[in-house]
Amino acid sequence: MSEKNSILTVEVMDSNGTTFTLHEVCERGECHAEFVIKLVSYGIIAPVEPATEARQWLFDVAALARLHKARRLQRDLKMNLPGLAMTLELLDEVEDMRKEMERVKRQLRQLTGEW
């Protein structure tokens, strides 16, 4: 089998412990295996545990969701991989700030007696 035709197995685990092959992940993310490998190399998504070979990687559902975000950004905004990495990092920070604001608002409501 030529290197071009070889299939690399990457798995994704959901909260029920279900795993998916690279083929299934690529189908769900509408992308090629090379794209997933590049996302890992840029730190955009990460395996749950480090492994020496890509075929041993395991990804959680959060990584799959991030793959979908990355794919949409690349498709819709024509972003390159460094741009994807920076954009997703900034989106994560915005999400963290929103969560923090909601936490502070709840505390403020409790202190002022509003429910």
C-alpha atoms as a PDB file:
ATOM      1  CA  MET A   1       0.000   0.000   0.000  1.00  0.00           C
ATOM      2  CA  SER A   2       1.374   3.374  -0.917  1.00  0.00           C
ATOM      3  CA  GLU A   3       1.769   6.042   1.725  1.00  0.00           C
ATOM      4  CA  LYS A   4      -0.877   8.051  -0.100  1.00  0.00           C
ATOM      5  CA  ASN A   5      -3.438   5.265   0.346  1.00  0.00           C
ATOM      6  CA  SER A   6      -2.621   4.359   3.942  1.00  0.00           C
ATOM      7  CA  ILE A   7      -5.234   5.209   6.550  1.00  0.00           C
ATOM      8  CA  LEU A   8      -4.251   6.693   9.866  1.00  0.00           C
ATOM      9  CA  THR A   9      -6.585   5.979  12.774  1.00  0.00           C
ATOM     10  CA  VAL A  10      -7.464   8.770  15.179  1.00  0.00           C
ATOM     11  CA  GLU A  11     -10.220   8.310  17.732  1.00  0.00           C
ATOM     12  CA  VAL A  12     -12.658  10.658  19.417  1.00  0.00           C
ATOM     13  CA  MET A  13     -14.322   9.786  22.726  1.00  0.00           C
ATOM     14  CA  ASP A  14     -17.624  11.250  23.837  1.00  0.00           C
ATOM     15  CA  SER A  15     -18.922  11.317  27.396  1.00  0.00           C
ATOM     16  CA  ASN A  16     -20.270   7.782  26.920  1.00  0.00           C
ATOM     17  CA  GLY A  17     -16.846   6.487  25.926  1.00  0.00           C
ATOM     18  CA  THR A  18     -17.751   6.052  22.255  1.00  0.00           C
ATOM     19  CA  THR A  19     -14.773   6.271  19.941  1.00  0.00           C
ATOM     20  CA  PHE A  20     -14.582   7.280  16.319  1.00  0.00           C
ATOM     21  CA  THR A  21     -11.981   6.462  13.695  1.00  0.00           C
ATOM     22  CA  LEU A  22     -10.209   9.171  11.743  1.00  0.00           C
ATOM     23  CA  HIS A  23     -12.516   8.431   8.833  1.00  0.00           C
ATOM     24  CA  GLU A  24     -15.574   9.082  11.032  1.00  0.00           C
ATOM     25  CA  VAL A  25     -14.035  12.231  12.542  1.00  0.00           C
ATOM     26  CA  CYS A  26     -13.226  13.532   9.086  1.00  0.00           C
ATOM     27  CA  GLU A  27     -16.767  12.788   7.937  1.00  0.00           C
ATOM     28  CA  ARG A  28     -18.229  14.614  10.934  1.00  0.00           C
ATOM     29  CA  GLY A  29     -15.819  17.525  10.544  1.00  0.00           C
ATOM     30  CA  GLU A  30     -16.044  17.532   6.751  1.00  0.00           C
ATOM     31  CA  CYS A  31     -12.259  17.545   6.439  1.00  0.00           C
ATOM     32  CA  HIS A  32      -9.271  15.415   5.504  1.00  0.00           C
ATOM     33  CA  ALA A  33      -6.987  13.579   7.949  1.00  0.00           C
ATOM     34  CA  GLU A  34      -4.154  15.917   7.049  1.00  0.00           C
ATOM     35  CA  PHE A  35      -6.245  18.842   8.306  1.00  0.00           C
ATOM     36  CA  VAL A  36      -6.746  17.169  11.703  1.00  0.00           C
ATOM     37  CA  ILE A  37      -3.014  16.473  11.959  1.00  0.00           C
ATOM     38  CA  LYS A  38      -2.210  20.102  11.096  1.00  0.00           C
ATOM     39  CA  LEU A  39      -4.684  21.339  13.712  1.00  0.00           C
ATOM     40  CA  VAL A  40      -2.871  19.253  16.314  1.00  0.00           C
ATOM     41  CA  SER A  41       0.524  20.516  15.174  1.00  0.00           C
ATOM     42  CA  TYR A  42      -0.662  24.140  15.560  1.00  0.00           C
ATOM     43  CA  GLY A  43      -2.175  23.430  18.978  1.00  0.00           C
ATOM     44  CA  ILE A  44      -5.683  24.160  17.762  1.00  0.00           C
ATOM     45  CA  ILE A  45      -6.958  20.808  18.988  1.00  0.00           C
ATOM     46  CA  ALA A  46      -5.165  18.367  21.233  1.00  0.00           C
ATOM     47  CA  PRO A  47      -5.382  14.675  21.970  1.00  0.00           C
ATOM     48  CA  VAL A  48      -6.584  13.781  25.459  1.00  0.00           C
ATOM     49  CA  GLU A  49      -3.204  12.179  26.177  1.00  0.00           C
ATOM     50  CA  PRO A  50       0.059  12.573  24.301  1.00  0.00           C
ATOM     51  CA  ALA A  51       1.006   9.703  22.010  1.00  0.00           C
ATOM     52  CA  THR A  52       4.064   9.083  19.878  1.00  0.00           C
ATOM     53  CA  GLU A  53       2.027   8.178  16.804  1.00  0.00           C
ATOM     54  CA  ALA A  54      -1.002  10.001  15.455  1.00  0.00           C
ATOM     55  CA  ARG A  55      -2.860   6.718  15.078  1.00  0.00           C
ATOM     56  CA  GLN A  56      -2.866   6.411  18.883  1.00  0.00           C
ATOM     57  CA  TRP A  57      -4.441   9.811  19.521  1.00  0.00           C
ATOM     58  CA  LEU A  58      -7.706  10.027  21.413  1.00  0.00           C
ATOM     59  CA  PHE A  59      -9.825  13.171  21.225  1.00  0.00           C
ATOM     60  CA  ASP A  60     -12.737  14.234  23.392  1.00  0.00           C
ATOM     61  CA  VAL A  61     -15.974  15.828  22.242  1.00  0.00           C
ATOM     62  CA  ALA A  62     -14.595  19.299  22.975  1.00  0.00           C
ATOM     63  CA  ALA A  63     -11.824  18.694  20.433  1.00  0.00           C
ATOM     64  CA  LEU A  64     -14.409  17.597  17.877  1.00  0.00           C
ATOM     65  CA  ALA A  65     -16.434  20.764  18.519  1.00  0.00           C
ATOM     66  CA  ARG A  66     -13.270  22.839  18.147  1.00  0.00           C
ATOM     67  CA  LEU A  67     -12.543  21.031  14.878  1.00  0.00           C
ATOM     68  CA  HIS A  68     -15.972  22.113  13.636  1.00  0.00           C
ATOM     69  CA  LYS A  69     -15.281  25.729  14.650  1.00  0.00           C
ATOM     70  CA  ALA A  70     -11.898  25.673  12.959  1.00  0.00           C
ATOM     71  CA  ARG A  71     -13.368  24.193   9.816  1.00  0.00           C
ATOM     72  CA  ARG A  72     -16.120  26.837   9.663  1.00  0.00           C
ATOM     73  CA  LEU A  73     -13.639  29.667  10.213  1.00  0.00           C
ATOM     74  CA  GLN A  74     -11.367  28.346   7.518  1.00  0.00           C
ATOM     75  CA  ARG A  75     -14.199  27.771   5.070  1.00  0.00           C
ATOM     76  CA  ASP A  76     -16.153  30.971   5.701  1.00  0.00           C
ATOM     77  CA  LEU A  77     -13.325  33.432   6.393  1.00  0.00           C
ATOM     78  CA  LYS A  78     -10.507  31.744   4.439  1.00  0.00           C
ATOM     79  CA  MET A  79      -8.258  31.759   7.516  1.00  0.00           C
ATOM     80  CA  ASN A  80      -4.863  30.127   7.538  1.00  0.00           C
ATOM     81  CA  LEU A  81      -3.768  27.868  10.415  1.00  0.00           C
ATOM     82  CA  PRO A  82      -1.962  30.534  12.476  1.00  0.00           C
ATOM     83  CA  GLY A  83      -5.029  32.763  12.074  1.00  0.00           C
ATOM     84  CA  LEU A  84      -7.276  29.901  13.177  1.00  0.00           C
ATOM     85  CA  ALA A  85      -5.141  29.281  16.251  1.00  0.00           C
ATOM     86  CA  MET A  86      -5.200  32.936  17.293  1.00  0.00           C
ATOM     87  CA  THR A  87      -8.905  33.380  16.572  1.00  0.00           C
ATOM     88  CA  LEU A  88      -9.922  30.276  18.518  1.00  0.00           C
ATOM     89  CA  GLU A  89      -7.747  31.349  21.439  1.00  0.00           C
ATOM     90  CA  LEU A  90      -9.439  34.752  21.464  1.00  0.00           C
ATOM     91  CA  LEU A  91     -12.889  33.142  21.195  1.00  0.00           C
ATOM     92  CA  ASP A  92     -11.998  30.966  24.196  1.00  0.00           C
ATOM     93  CA  GLU A  93     -11.018  34.068  26.162  1.00  0.00           C
ATOM     94  CA  VAL A  94     -14.290  35.795  25.262  1.00  0.00           C
ATOM     95  CA  GLU A  95     -16.227  32.713  26.384  1.00  0.00           C
ATOM     96  CA  ASP A  96     -14.302  32.611  29.669  1.00  0.00           C
ATOM     97  CA  MET A  97     -15.052  36.314  30.254  1.00  0.00           C
ATOM     98  CA  ARG A  98     -18.751  35.767  29.558  1.00  0.00           C
ATOM     99  CA  LYS A  99     -18.859  32.939  32.069  1.00  0.00           C
ATOM    100  CA  GLU A 100     -17.077  35.082  34.628  1.00  0.00           C
ATOM    101  CA  MET A 101     -19.510  37.945  34.046  1.00  0.00           C
ATOM    102  CA  GLU A 102     -22.471  35.604  34.577  1.00  0.00           C
ATOM    103  CA  ARG A 103     -20.894  34.346  37.807  1.00  0.00           C
ATOM    104  CA  VAL A 104     -20.365  37.906  39.040  1.00  0.00           C
ATOM    105  CA  LYS A 105     -23.933  38.869  38.069  1.00  0.00           C
ATOM    106  CA  ARG A 106     -25.303  35.910  40.067  1.00  0.00           C
ATOM    107  CA  GLN A 107     -23.241  36.926  43.074  1.00  0.00           C
ATOM    108  CA  LEU A 108     -24.405  40.523  42.759  1.00  0.00           C
ATOM    109  CA  ARG A 109     -28.059  39.431  42.561  1.00  0.00           C
ATOM    110  CA  GLN A 110     -27.594  37.310  45.674  1.00  0.00           C
ATOM    111  CA  LEU A 111     -25.993  40.211  47.542  1.00  0.00           C
ATOM    112  CA  THR A 112     -28.717  42.657  46.545  1.00  0.00           C
ATOM    113  CA  GLY A 113     -31.519  40.178  47.219  1.00  0.00           C
ATOM    114  CA  GLU A 114     -32.672  39.964  43.594  1.00  0.00           C
ATOM    115  CA  TRP A 115     -33.494  36.557  42.166  1.00  0.00           C
END
